[in-house]
């Protein structure tokens, strides 16, 4: 099993400028449930391998994001002991900014660190963000959770923005091997963006029921004027890419801003399993 895992990781981190192999990535995720040991998977990629080739490093980031999101839950716990590795890798690639993808790699390392710390702080939230926000959370914890969710979602949005900049700056066609090498990251990025968006709506609703609007107006403005606008633009850009219609499962957001001045509206429950889930609406309470 160890040899199979090594082979799969080696295939995923191929130094050529082509997309991460989804079959081997899926195999590694399945193996994480068999080994139930995050240290084994986290220690297999060699430091030299991740600093000598930008495409291997980029695909390592994509793979780690998938594993932390979909893999065995112990990996999230074990990864906290390896969090310094991402900082060291980011520092190395900070000195290689003339290379394609360097800025994207640096930001992806930041995203992975943020995700690891987030789940270390909120142990009841799984890597795929399954949780019950109303369970055993006081209002202060809920408020801080909302802030941390905003921070993580904005990091994801900064990452996708850098990926688009890299495509444009280097005149890379999205449907080429070089383009798909970069765009493969969007699968997990979009999944987590959509989940975080939906959960932020839930948490903001909860805060609306517990606090005066004065206390959460800043969060509402941040959610509406920064997160919603950037997230909507991200989805529109992905939807406009010259790729097959089923290459990405792009979520759907409301056409109007989720926050409307005036009455607070409650919308029907979201079907989380829908292929293109529509986000709910939230509005500020009337002052």
Protein backbone atom coordinates (compact mmCIF):
# COMPACT_ATOMS: atom_id res chain seq x y z
CA UNK A 1 0.00 0.00 0.00
CA UNK A 2 2.87 2.38 0.79
CA UNK A 3 4.40 1.79 -2.64
CA UNK A 4 1.05 2.40 -4.32
CA UNK A 5 0.76 5.65 -2.39
CA UNK A 6 4.26 6.76 -3.37
CA UNK A 7 3.56 5.97 -7.01
CA UNK A 8 0.28 7.91 -6.95
CA UNK A 9 1.94 10.96 -5.36
CA UNK A 10 4.80 10.80 -7.85
CA UNK A 11 2.31 10.70 -10.73
CA UNK A 12 0.35 13.63 -9.29
CA UNK A 13 3.47 15.76 -8.87
CA UNK A 14 4.65 15.21 -12.44
CA UNK A 15 7.01 18.14 -13.25
CA UNK A 16 5.42 18.76 -16.65
CA UNK A 17 3.07 21.67 -17.29
CA UNK A 18 -0.12 19.66 -17.48
CA UNK A 19 -3.13 19.15 -15.17
CA UNK A 20 -3.07 17.17 -11.95
CA UNK A 21 -4.10 13.58 -12.70
CA UNK A 22 -7.60 13.25 -11.16
CA UNK A 23 -7.49 9.44 -11.01
CA UNK A 24 -4.30 9.39 -8.94
CA UNK A 25 -5.55 12.25 -6.77
CA UNK A 26 -8.71 10.25 -6.03
CA UNK A 27 -6.58 7.18 -5.25
CA UNK A 28 -4.54 9.16 -2.71
CA UNK A 29 -7.72 10.41 -1.03
CA UNK A 30 -9.04 6.84 -0.80
CA UNK A 31 -5.69 5.65 0.58
CA UNK A 32 -5.94 8.29 3.31
CA UNK A 33 -8.96 6.41 4.67
CA UNK A 34 -7.02 3.15 4.58
CA UNK A 35 -3.88 4.43 6.28
CA UNK A 36 -5.76 6.81 8.63
CA UNK A 37 -2.40 8.50 9.07
CA UNK A 38 -1.78 11.99 7.79
CA UNK A 39 1.94 12.04 8.59
CA UNK A 40 2.65 9.30 6.06
CA UNK A 41 1.04 11.19 3.20
CA UNK A 42 2.35 14.59 4.25
CA UNK A 43 5.95 13.37 4.52
CA UNK A 44 6.16 11.64 1.13
CA UNK A 45 6.76 14.64 -1.17
CA UNK A 46 10.43 15.62 -0.89
CA UNK A 47 11.43 19.24 -0.19
CA UNK A 48 13.77 19.23 -3.19
CA UNK A 49 10.94 18.05 -5.43
CA UNK A 50 8.79 20.98 -4.31
CA UNK A 51 11.47 23.64 -4.71
CA UNK A 52 13.08 22.50 -7.95
CA UNK A 53 10.00 22.56 -10.16
CA UNK A 54 7.13 25.07 -10.02
CA UNK A 55 4.64 22.71 -11.64
CA UNK A 56 5.31 19.97 -9.10
CA UNK A 57 4.88 22.53 -6.32
CA UNK A 58 1.68 23.90 -7.85
CA UNK A 59 0.18 20.44 -8.18
CA UNK A 60 1.25 19.66 -4.62
CA UNK A 61 -0.84 22.63 -3.45
CA UNK A 62 -3.86 21.48 -5.47
CA UNK A 63 -3.46 17.91 -4.20
CA UNK A 64 -3.11 18.99 -0.56
CA UNK A 65 -6.21 21.15 -0.84
CA UNK A 66 -8.18 18.17 -2.16
CA UNK A 67 -6.83 15.88 0.58
CA UNK A 68 -7.57 18.37 3.37
CA UNK A 69 -11.09 18.84 2.00
CA UNK A 70 -12.03 15.26 1.11
CA UNK A 71 -9.51 13.02 2.88
CA UNK A 72 -9.61 11.18 6.19
CA UNK A 73 -10.27 13.66 9.01
CA UNK A 74 -7.09 12.74 10.92
CA UNK A 75 -5.05 14.33 8.12
CA UNK A 76 -6.35 17.77 9.11
CA UNK A 77 -5.19 17.18 12.67
CA UNK A 78 -1.82 15.76 11.62
CA UNK A 79 -1.25 18.57 9.13
CA UNK A 80 -1.11 21.11 11.96
CA UNK A 81 2.29 19.69 12.94
CA UNK A 82 3.46 20.27 9.36
CA UNK A 83 2.06 23.77 8.96
CA UNK A 84 5.52 25.35 9.07
CA UNK A 85 6.37 23.47 5.87
CA UNK A 86 3.93 25.62 3.91
CA UNK A 87 5.47 28.78 5.34
CA UNK A 88 8.96 27.64 4.31
CA UNK A 89 7.78 26.75 0.82
CA UNK A 90 6.04 30.12 0.48
CA UNK A 91 9.25 31.88 1.56
CA UNK A 92 11.26 29.95 -1.01
CA UNK A 93 8.90 30.78 -3.85
CA UNK A 94 8.84 34.42 -2.73
CA UNK A 95 12.40 34.60 -4.04
CA UNK A 96 11.33 33.08 -7.37
CA UNK A 97 8.69 35.63 -8.35
CA UNK A 98 10.00 35.94 -11.92
CA UNK A 99 8.78 32.38 -12.55
CA UNK A 100 5.28 31.70 -13.82
CA UNK A 101 2.93 30.62 -11.03
CA UNK A 102 5.17 31.87 -8.20
CA UNK A 103 2.60 34.34 -6.86
CA UNK A 104 -0.13 31.72 -7.16
CA UNK A 105 1.99 29.21 -5.23
CA UNK A 106 2.68 31.73 -2.45
CA UNK A 107 -1.03 32.51 -2.10
CA UNK A 108 -1.98 28.82 -2.22
CA UNK A 109 0.41 28.12 0.67
CA UNK A 110 -1.36 30.89 2.59
CA UNK A 111 -4.74 29.30 1.81
CA UNK A 112 -3.57 25.89 3.03
CA UNK A 113 -2.17 27.38 6.24
CA UNK A 114 -5.41 29.28 6.80
CA UNK A 115 -7.49 26.14 6.25
CA UNK A 116 -5.39 24.07 8.66
CA UNK A 117 -5.56 26.73 11.39
CA UNK A 118 -9.28 27.24 10.80
CA UNK A 119 -10.10 23.58 11.36
CA UNK A 120 -7.68 23.37 14.28
CA UNK A 121 -9.58 26.26 15.90
CA UNK A 122 -13.03 24.87 15.08
CA UNK A 123 -12.65 21.15 15.61
CA UNK A 124 -16.38 20.56 15.13
CA UNK A 125 -16.11 21.71 11.49
CA UNK A 126 -14.91 18.95 9.16
CA UNK A 127 -12.58 19.43 6.22
CA UNK A 128 -15.56 19.47 3.87
CA UNK A 129 -17.25 22.03 6.18
CA UNK A 130 -19.97 19.75 7.46
CA UNK A 131 -21.12 21.09 10.83
CA UNK A 132 -23.96 22.44 12.94
CA UNK A 133 -23.25 26.09 13.70
CA UNK A 134 -25.98 26.37 16.29
CA UNK A 135 -24.57 23.61 18.46
CA UNK A 136 -22.64 24.61 21.60
CA UNK A 137 -21.55 28.01 20.24
CA UNK A 138 -21.96 31.18 22.26
CA UNK A 139 -22.45 34.50 20.53
CA UNK A 140 -18.79 35.56 20.88
CA UNK A 141 -17.56 32.33 19.31
CA UNK A 142 -20.12 32.66 16.53
CA UNK A 143 -19.00 36.22 15.81
CA UNK A 144 -15.34 35.17 15.65
CA UNK A 145 -16.28 32.21 13.46
CA UNK A 146 -17.93 34.61 11.03
CA UNK A 147 -14.78 36.75 10.90
CA UNK A 148 -12.57 33.71 10.30
CA UNK A 149 -14.88 32.46 7.56
CA UNK A 150 -14.66 35.84 5.85
CA UNK A 151 -10.85 35.76 6.07
CA UNK A 152 -10.64 32.27 4.58
CA UNK A 153 -13.12 32.99 1.80
CA UNK A 154 -11.27 36.18 0.87
CA UNK A 155 -8.00 34.21 0.70
CA UNK A 156 -9.66 31.78 -1.73
CA UNK A 157 -10.93 34.69 -3.81
CA UNK A 158 -7.46 36.27 -3.87
CA UNK A 159 -6.06 32.94 -5.09
CA UNK A 160 -8.49 32.59 -7.99
CA UNK A 161 -7.79 36.21 -8.96
CA UNK A 162 -4.06 35.49 -9.16
CA UNK A 163 -4.70 32.41 -11.29
CA UNK A 164 -6.65 34.49 -13.81
CA UNK A 165 -3.88 37.11 -13.79
CA UNK A 166 -1.30 34.40 -14.49
CA UNK A 167 -3.34 33.13 -17.45
CA UNK A 168 -3.73 36.63 -18.89
CA UNK A 169 -0.18 37.83 -18.27
CA UNK A 170 1.37 34.76 -19.87
CA UNK A 171 -1.23 34.60 -22.67
CA UNK A 172 -2.20 31.04 -21.83
CA UNK A 173 -5.30 29.57 -23.44
CA UNK A 174 -7.64 28.14 -20.76
CA UNK A 175 -8.31 24.93 -22.70
CA UNK A 176 -4.62 24.16 -23.31
CA UNK A 177 -2.60 21.78 -21.13
CA UNK A 178 -0.89 24.81 -19.62
CA UNK A 179 -4.22 26.47 -18.89
CA UNK A 180 -5.82 23.38 -17.39
CA UNK A 181 -2.72 22.88 -15.25
CA UNK A 182 -3.74 26.08 -13.49
CA UNK A 183 -7.52 25.81 -13.72
CA UNK A 184 -7.68 22.37 -12.11
CA UNK A 185 -7.32 24.22 -8.81
CA UNK A 186 -10.76 25.75 -9.34
CA UNK A 187 -12.55 22.47 -8.59
CA UNK A 188 -11.81 22.58 -4.85
CA UNK A 189 -11.61 26.38 -4.70
CA UNK A 190 -15.15 26.76 -6.07
CA UNK A 191 -16.50 23.98 -3.88
CA UNK A 192 -15.16 25.64 -0.74
CA UNK A 193 -16.15 29.14 -1.87
CA UNK A 194 -19.73 28.00 -2.33
CA UNK A 195 -19.83 26.14 0.99
CA UNK A 196 -18.32 29.06 2.86
CA UNK A 197 -20.76 31.45 1.20
CA UNK A 198 -23.74 29.34 2.24
CA UNK A 199 -22.41 28.89 5.77
CA UNK A 200 -21.72 32.60 6.12
CA UNK A 201 -25.38 33.21 5.32
CA UNK A 202 -26.35 30.77 8.07
CA UNK A 203 -23.98 32.31 10.60
CA UNK A 204 -25.03 35.87 9.76
CA UNK A 205 -28.66 34.84 10.19
CA UNK A 206 -27.78 33.42 13.58
CA UNK A 207 -25.99 36.63 14.58
CA UNK A 208 -28.96 38.68 13.37
CA UNK A 209 -31.14 36.76 15.81
CA UNK A 210 -28.72 37.30 18.71
CA UNK A 211 -27.25 40.79 18.30
CA UNK A 212 -28.31 44.31 17.52
CA UNK A 213 -27.71 45.32 13.87
CA UNK A 214 -25.20 47.90 15.15
CA UNK A 215 -22.84 45.11 16.19
CA UNK A 216 -22.89 43.22 12.91
CA UNK A 217 -23.29 45.99 10.34
CA UNK A 218 -19.55 45.82 9.56
CA UNK A 219 -19.77 42.09 8.86
CA UNK A 220 -22.84 42.59 6.68
CA UNK A 221 -21.12 45.31 4.64
CA UNK A 222 -17.99 43.18 4.23
CA UNK A 223 -20.08 40.22 3.14
CA UNK A 224 -22.08 42.28 0.66
CA UNK A 225 -19.59 44.79 -0.75
CA UNK A 226 -16.51 42.56 -0.89
CA UNK A 227 -17.30 38.87 -0.74
CA UNK A 228 -20.53 38.77 -2.74
CA UNK A 229 -19.22 41.00 -5.53
CA UNK A 230 -15.91 39.14 -5.88
CA UNK A 231 -17.55 35.74 -5.67
CA UNK A 232 -20.11 36.63 -8.31
CA UNK A 233 -17.35 37.94 -10.60
CA UNK A 234 -15.34 34.73 -10.05
CA UNK A 235 -18.25 32.49 -11.04
CA UNK A 236 -18.99 34.63 -14.11
CA UNK A 237 -15.35 34.44 -15.23
CA UNK A 238 -15.28 30.67 -14.86
CA UNK A 239 -18.59 30.34 -16.69
CA UNK A 240 -17.19 32.40 -19.59
CA UNK A 241 -14.13 30.18 -20.07
CA UNK A 242 -14.02 28.34 -23.43
CA UNK A 243 -14.34 24.94 -21.78
CA UNK A 244 -16.95 22.22 -22.06
CA UNK A 245 -20.09 23.09 -20.10
CA UNK A 246 -19.61 20.22 -17.65
CA UNK A 247 -15.90 20.80 -16.95
CA UNK A 248 -16.72 22.86 -13.86
CA UNK A 249 -19.87 22.74 -11.77
CA UNK A 250 -20.28 26.49 -11.35
CA UNK A 251 -22.63 27.55 -8.53
CA UNK A 252 -25.34 30.14 -9.10
CA UNK A 253 -25.67 33.30 -7.00
CA UNK A 254 -28.66 35.66 -6.82
CA UNK A 255 -28.64 38.47 -9.36
CA UNK A 256 -29.21 40.99 -6.59
CA UNK A 257 -27.12 41.70 -3.54
CA UNK A 258 -27.84 39.30 -0.65
CA UNK A 259 -28.21 42.24 1.74
CA UNK A 260 -31.16 44.52 1.17
CA UNK A 261 -31.80 47.52 3.39
CA UNK A 262 -35.02 47.07 5.28
CA UNK A 263 -36.84 43.89 6.19
CA UNK A 264 -35.08 40.65 7.06
CA UNK A 265 -36.22 37.86 4.73
CA UNK A 266 -36.06 34.14 5.34
CA UNK A 267 -35.66 32.03 2.22
CA UNK A 268 -36.41 28.33 1.66
CA UNK A 269 -33.79 25.81 2.70
CA UNK A 270 -30.99 25.21 0.22
CA UNK A 271 -30.57 21.87 -1.50
CA UNK A 272 -26.89 21.37 -0.70
CA UNK A 273 -26.64 18.44 -3.13
CA UNK A 274 -27.88 20.35 -6.16
CA UNK A 275 -25.47 20.59 -9.09
CA UNK A 276 -25.94 24.35 -9.25
CA UNK A 277 -27.19 25.42 -5.81
CA UNK A 278 -28.79 28.83 -5.58
CA UNK A 279 -27.50 30.85 -2.65
CA UNK A 280 -30.08 32.12 -0.15
CA UNK A 281 -30.70 35.77 0.51
CA UNK A 282 -29.96 37.59 3.73
CA UNK A 283 -30.94 41.12 4.60
CA UNK A 284 -30.21 43.56 7.38
CA UNK A 285 -32.71 43.99 10.17
CA UNK A 286 -34.59 47.26 10.14
CA UNK A 287 -33.03 49.75 12.55
